[in-house]
Amino acid sequence: MSVTKTTTIDQCSDILREAVCRRLHLTLTYRGPAGWRCYKGIFAQAAVGEAILRACIKIDNGPEGYGLPRAGSALGASFRFGHKKCMFASTLRSVREANEGLIVTLDAPTRLSHLQRRVFERVTLPPDAAIAVRFWHEHDDAKPPQERDIRYAQLEDLSAGGLRMRGSKVGDLQLHSTFRCAFSLQSNSPTFVLDAVLMHREEVGNGRASLGFHFIGLEATQQGQHDLERLARAVHYLQRQNKQLPRKDR
């Protein structure tokens, strides 16, 4: 059963029109030569006749410039709309400076995919579950598997937006770095291999730490959207399982 829904063309136009009118927040993701980048902004304008969208984003101009993608680059976009999270893949047309920030122009989608926001709520694993996660730095992905600095941890909870896991020998990991996380929820199910940013690290004693990761880039590609659909189904399944557990086992 699919938990990801797709709008009609008319529904998509209505949602985008309201998103612009309400100046909703959105997130743009881009995978460039240096890895994934994430930009926060707001809907600024829509020109339906021209099939374009404009968003205003504000980011720091560091010593190497904005680090924005070039025209023609593929982008992912997502935003909250009521009880849903909407997403689409697009192509960048242009970037220009304005008083309020950077104005990004991108192709407007003809349809949106959306998920209920409840699948983005964290769900703990069943008490008897022991799911290992392999993860390595995104930069190591270009190396042969035997040369990667692969770490191991145990999955604690999961959502369509990220995961938390507990491991040892992780004190050197830098916050806001991107990692590739691989795990399988069942022995006979395909392995998830997802990009995620380390957002939180908390020492829990005995040389171990709890690590919080945020998934990035799933809306930007067809494979990513397929992985997100699988992930949402898995979270939905775990939520149903937890509801069936006796209260004392939760």
Foldseek 3Di string as FASTA:
>chain_A
DFQKDKDALVVLVVQLVVQQVVFFKKKKWFQDPVGIDIWIWTWHDDDVVVQKTKTFTADDQDPVGPPDDDFQGKMKMWGDDVQKIKIAIWTWHDWDADPRHIITMIGHDSMIMIGGCVLQDKFFAFPPFWKKKKKFFPVCPVPPPVPTPIAIWTWTIDGLFWTKTKDAPCVPDDAQTKMWIWIDRDPPDDIDTFIWGWHDWADDDPRMIMTITTTPDLRRDPVSVVSSRVSSVVSVVSVVVVVPDPPVRD
